[in-house]
Protein backbone atom coordinates (compact mmCIF):
# COMPACT_ATOMS: atom_id res chain seq x y z
CA MET A 1 -10.87 -10.94 16.14
CA GLY A 2 -11.19 -7.56 17.73
CA VAL A 3 -9.31 -4.42 16.85
CA ALA A 4 -6.00 -5.58 15.87
CA ALA A 5 -4.12 -2.01 15.24
CA THR A 6 -5.24 1.28 14.28
CA LEU A 7 -2.47 3.31 12.97
CA GLY A 8 -1.54 6.70 11.17
CA LEU A 9 -0.21 10.22 11.90
CA LEU A 10 0.54 10.19 15.41
CA GLY A 11 -1.86 12.15 17.55
CA THR A 12 -3.53 13.79 14.81
CA THR A 13 -5.34 13.35 11.06
CA SER A 14 -3.75 16.62 10.00
CA ALA A 15 -0.94 16.35 7.37
CA SER A 16 0.49 19.93 8.55
CA ALA A 17 1.36 18.48 11.92
CA ALA A 18 3.75 16.00 10.51
CA SER A 19 7.25 17.05 11.93
CA PRO A 20 9.44 17.38 8.47
CA THR A 21 12.51 16.43 10.82
CA LYS A 22 11.45 13.11 11.77
CA ALA A 23 11.68 10.08 10.14
CA PRO A 24 8.57 8.56 8.70
CA GLY A 25 8.23 6.34 12.13
CA GLY A 26 8.33 9.53 14.25
CA ASN A 27 5.28 10.79 12.15
CA PHE A 28 3.53 7.61 11.59
CA ASN A 29 2.89 4.42 13.87
CA LEU A 30 4.71 1.92 11.81
CA SER A 31 4.48 -0.88 14.73
CA VAL A 32 2.39 -3.11 12.10
CA TRP A 33 4.10 -2.45 9.06
CA GLU A 34 7.29 -3.73 7.23
CA LEU A 35 9.08 -2.26 4.50
CA GLN A 36 10.30 -3.69 1.18
CA GLU A 37 12.52 -1.79 -0.92
CA PRO A 38 13.74 -1.87 -4.68
CA VAL A 39 17.37 -2.91 -3.54
CA GLY A 40 19.06 -6.10 -2.49
CA SER A 41 19.78 -9.14 -4.50
CA PRO A 42 17.90 -10.22 -7.52
CA GLY A 43 14.55 -11.89 -6.64
CA SER A 44 15.15 -10.94 -3.30
CA PRO A 45 14.51 -7.21 -2.30
CA THR A 46 15.65 -5.75 1.07
CA THR A 47 13.19 -5.81 3.62
CA ILE A 48 12.99 -3.45 6.81
CA PRO A 49 11.61 -4.96 9.82
CA SER A 50 9.22 -2.88 11.90
CA SER A 51 11.47 -2.50 14.76
CA GLN A 52 13.93 -0.59 12.61
CA LEU A 53 11.24 1.72 11.10
CA GLN A 54 9.77 2.99 14.39
CA GLY A 55 10.65 6.32 16.07
CA ASP A 56 11.82 10.00 15.49
CA ASP A 57 15.18 8.55 14.12
CA GLY A 58 13.82 5.33 12.57
CA PHE A 59 14.91 4.26 9.15
CA GLN A 60 14.57 6.25 6.14
CA ASP A 61 16.86 6.43 3.00
CA SER A 62 16.32 7.52 -0.81
CA TYR A 63 13.49 5.38 -1.25
CA PHE A 64 11.85 5.67 1.83
CA TYR A 65 11.68 9.18 3.62
CA THR A 66 9.96 12.10 5.15
CA ASP A 67 9.79 15.18 2.80
CA THR A 68 11.40 17.95 4.23
CA ARG A 69 8.69 20.27 3.12
CA ASP A 70 5.52 18.81 4.46
CA GLY A 71 6.49 15.86 6.64
CA ALA A 72 4.75 13.27 4.24
CA MET A 73 5.89 9.63 4.42
CA THR A 74 7.44 9.12 0.70
CA PHE A 75 8.00 6.30 -1.48
CA TRP A 76 10.20 6.13 -4.42
CA ALA A 77 10.20 3.15 -6.81
CA PRO A 78 12.58 3.64 -10.10
CA GLU A 79 11.55 1.88 -13.03
CA LYS A 80 15.09 -0.31 -12.59
CA GLY A 81 15.08 -1.71 -9.38
CA VAL A 82 15.40 -5.34 -7.59
CA THR A 83 12.00 -7.19 -7.60
CA THR A 84 10.18 -10.00 -6.03
CA PRO A 85 10.03 -13.50 -8.14
CA ASN A 86 6.69 -13.11 -9.06
CA SER A 87 7.13 -9.29 -10.44
CA ASN A 88 8.81 -7.43 -13.20
CA TYR A 89 8.18 -4.11 -11.12
CA ALA A 90 10.01 -2.43 -8.55
CA ARG A 91 8.45 -1.22 -5.48
CA SER A 92 8.91 0.64 -2.32
CA GLU A 93 6.06 -0.43 -0.22
CA LEU A 94 4.86 -1.47 3.15
CA ARG A 95 3.73 -4.90 4.09
CA GLU A 96 0.99 -5.41 7.04
CA MET A 97 2.36 -6.98 9.94
CA ASN A 98 0.93 -8.00 13.46
CA SER A 99 2.05 -6.22 16.40
CA ASN A 100 3.98 -9.32 17.68
CA GLY A 101 5.97 -9.22 14.42
CA SER A 102 4.53 -12.23 12.44
CA ALA A 103 2.98 -11.62 9.23
CA ALA A 104 -0.35 -10.25 8.97
CA ASP A 105 -2.71 -13.06 7.50
CA TRP A 106 -6.46 -12.41 8.07
CA SER A 107 -9.67 -14.25 6.99
CA LEU A 108 -12.15 -12.58 4.81
CA GLY A 109 -14.91 -12.61 7.38
CA GLY A 110 -15.25 -9.51 9.63
CA SER A 111 -14.33 -5.97 8.84
CA HIS A 112 -11.04 -5.11 7.49
CA LYS A 113 -10.27 -1.33 6.35
CA LEU A 114 -7.43 0.35 5.00
CA ASN A 115 -7.72 4.12 4.78
CA ALA A 116 -5.02 6.43 3.26
CA THR A 117 -4.45 10.22 2.26
CA LEU A 118 -1.71 10.78 -0.23
CA ARG A 119 -0.78 12.26 -3.48
CA VAL A 120 1.20 10.92 -6.40
CA VAL A 121 4.36 13.28 -6.94
CA SER A 122 5.46 11.69 -10.25
CA VAL A 123 4.85 8.50 -12.07
CA THR A 124 5.91 7.46 -15.47
CA SER A 125 2.86 4.94 -16.57
CA ASN A 126 0.96 4.03 -13.39
CA VAL A 127 1.38 3.00 -9.86
CA CYS A 128 -0.44 0.70 -7.44
CA VAL A 129 -0.67 2.75 -3.97
CA GLY A 130 -2.59 0.07 -1.95
CA GLN A 131 -3.75 -3.21 -2.37
CA ILE A 132 -5.31 -6.57 -0.68
CA HIS A 133 -2.96 -9.46 -1.43
CA LEU A 134 -3.37 -13.21 -1.03
CA GLY A 135 -1.80 -14.60 2.09
CA SER A 136 -1.83 -18.23 3.06
CA GLY A 137 -4.33 -21.02 1.83
CA GLY A 138 -2.81 -21.76 -1.46
CA SER A 139 -0.31 -21.23 -3.81
CA SER A 140 -1.56 -18.09 -5.66
CA THR A 141 0.52 -15.01 -5.21
CA LYS A 142 -2.29 -12.86 -6.72
CA PRO A 143 -3.61 -9.76 -4.88
CA LEU A 144 -7.43 -9.45 -4.11
CA ILE A 145 -7.61 -5.98 -5.38
CA GLU A 146 -4.77 -3.16 -6.41
CA LEU A 147 -5.59 0.26 -6.67
CA TYR A 148 -3.82 2.18 -9.35
CA TYR A 149 -3.09 5.85 -10.07
CA HIS A 150 -2.41 6.53 -13.74
CA ALA A 151 -0.24 9.05 -15.29
CA ASN A 152 -3.22 10.85 -16.92
CA GLY A 153 -5.04 11.15 -13.58
CA ASP A 154 -7.12 8.33 -13.59
CA ILE A 155 -7.67 6.31 -10.37
CA VAL A 156 -8.38 2.50 -11.30
CA ALA A 157 -9.27 -0.50 -9.38
CA GLY A 158 -8.08 -3.95 -10.44
CA VAL A 159 -10.36 -6.49 -8.95
CA GLU A 160 -8.76 -10.26 -9.44
CA ASN A 161 -11.09 -12.58 -10.90
CA SER A 162 -9.79 -15.64 -9.33
CA PRO A 163 -6.57 -16.91 -7.79
CA SER A 164 -5.35 -18.19 -10.95
CA GLY A 165 -5.21 -14.74 -12.45
CA GLY A 166 -6.99 -12.18 -14.51
CA GLN A 167 -8.11 -8.61 -13.16
CA THR A 168 -11.34 -6.66 -14.30
CA THR A 169 -10.38 -2.93 -13.99
CA HIS A 170 -12.99 -0.20 -13.07
CA THR A 171 -12.20 3.48 -13.07
CA VAL A 172 -13.26 5.13 -9.84
CA GLY A 173 -11.82 8.46 -10.09
CA HIS A 174 -9.51 11.22 -11.39
CA VAL A 175 -7.10 13.46 -9.51
CA SER A 176 -4.67 15.69 -11.35
CA ILE A 177 -1.07 14.67 -10.59
CA GLY A 178 0.20 16.45 -7.29
CA LYS A 179 -3.07 16.82 -5.91
CA THR A 180 -4.12 15.17 -2.53
CA TRP A 181 -6.67 12.53 -2.52
CA SER A 182 -7.82 9.59 -0.26
CA TYR A 183 -8.91 6.20 -0.39
CA THR A 184 -10.34 3.33 1.77
CA ILE A 185 -10.12 -0.36 0.50
CA ALA A 186 -12.08 -2.37 2.79
CA VAL A 187 -13.78 -5.76 3.09
CA SER A 188 -17.15 -6.80 4.61
CA GLY A 189 -19.42 -9.81 5.00
CA GLY A 190 -16.70 -12.00 4.06
CA ASP A 191 -17.66 -11.34 0.11
CA THR A 192 -17.54 -7.84 -0.57
CA ILE A 193 -14.85 -5.37 -1.33
CA ASP A 194 -15.69 -1.72 -0.62
CA LEU A 195 -13.78 1.00 -2.34
CA THR A 196 -13.91 4.37 -1.71
CA VAL A 197 -12.17 7.08 -3.40
CA ASN A 198 -12.71 10.70 -2.41
CA GLY A 199 -15.83 9.88 -0.52
CA SER A 200 -17.43 7.89 -3.78
CA THR A 201 -17.84 4.07 -2.87
CA THR A 202 -18.31 1.20 -5.20
CA HIS A 203 -18.60 -2.55 -4.16
CA TYR A 204 -17.12 -5.48 -5.91
CA ALA A 205 -18.28 -9.04 -5.26
CA ILE A 206 -15.25 -11.33 -4.14
CA ALA A 207 -15.38 -14.89 -6.02
CA SER A 208 -15.97 -17.91 -3.78
CA SER A 209 -12.69 -19.23 -4.91
CA PHE A 210 -10.85 -16.98 -2.74
CA ASP A 211 -12.73 -18.28 0.35
CA ALA A 212 -9.70 -20.64 1.12
CA TYR A 213 -7.18 -17.68 1.16
CA LYS A 214 -6.41 -15.32 4.16
CA GLN A 215 -5.26 -11.74 3.33
CA TYR A 216 -3.14 -8.75 4.13
CA PHE A 217 -2.63 -5.04 3.28
CA LYS A 218 -0.01 -3.39 1.38
CA ALA A 219 0.55 0.43 0.86
CA GLY A 220 3.21 2.65 -0.94
CA SER A 221 4.71 3.02 -4.24
CA TYR A 222 4.28 -0.28 -6.29
CA ASN A 223 5.56 1.00 -9.75
CA GLN A 224 3.82 -0.59 -12.99
CA SER A 225 6.58 -0.10 -15.48
CA SER A 226 10.00 -1.14 -15.89
CA SER A 227 12.96 0.22 -18.08
CA ASP A 228 16.95 0.44 -17.77
CA SER A 229 16.25 4.21 -15.90
CA THR A 230 17.01 4.80 -12.43
CA THR A 231 15.70 8.46 -12.71
CA ASN A 232 12.23 7.47 -14.24
CA GLY A 233 9.46 6.00 -11.70
CA ALA A 234 6.70 6.60 -9.23
CA ARG A 235 6.90 8.56 -6.18
CA VAL A 236 4.09 8.69 -3.76
CA ALA A 237 3.59 10.86 -0.55
CA PHE A 238 1.47 9.85 2.34
CA TYR A 239 -0.34 12.23 4.78
CA GLY A 240 -2.32 9.62 6.42
CA LEU A 241 -2.55 5.67 6.61
CA THR A 242 -4.59 3.71 9.03
CA VAL A 243 -5.55 -0.06 9.12
CA SER A 244 -8.24 -1.81 11.23
CA HIS A 245 -9.77 -5.13 11.97
CA SER A 246 -13.07 -5.87 13.57
CA SER A 247 -15.06 -9.34 14.21
């Protein structure tokens, strides 16, 4: 398949080089992402296409913006917000796309990696900050894996047991709230998830029941708690974000 896309902080891997005066699309290459926000009509959250995210003056608002102190690409998901039909939780989250504007939908074979450097600024309960989600190939709307950050600082991987549901959780790290950390969520050999958190790697077998499905990456703030509060929620700041694919 070759390298589909590599993106991150434009021209550098240093968080300090991000401009606090530019929109996220001026600091990060968002050409292969679209944004889902916790607003819109019930069951149909607003989606911002890649074309509107790109550039120094690209889209930003109170849910997705550049932190004016350090240039971080910041996602805010309150406990009360518009959700997708298959979730009770609001999200401000990027969904992987292809460079031609179509939805990313890749097979498990080959090598696929999502790399991020981030910090959780605030969280009520826990927040999903990265995932591999099932694409075409069947009726399931489940993830393959979700990476959660809990309010107590635990970093937890939720690995789906089958397309019909059920997660097995694994604590894979611990970072104090507000501290910067990194992860890589990868697939190799068509049958293994390779998860690295702050340099420590664990591996999880992919059940054969997932073989029929294609996949895509997501990253941002997918809040895992709900209430009537618009001030409680999960705020996540990213300093690096790259995705790559190879055969």
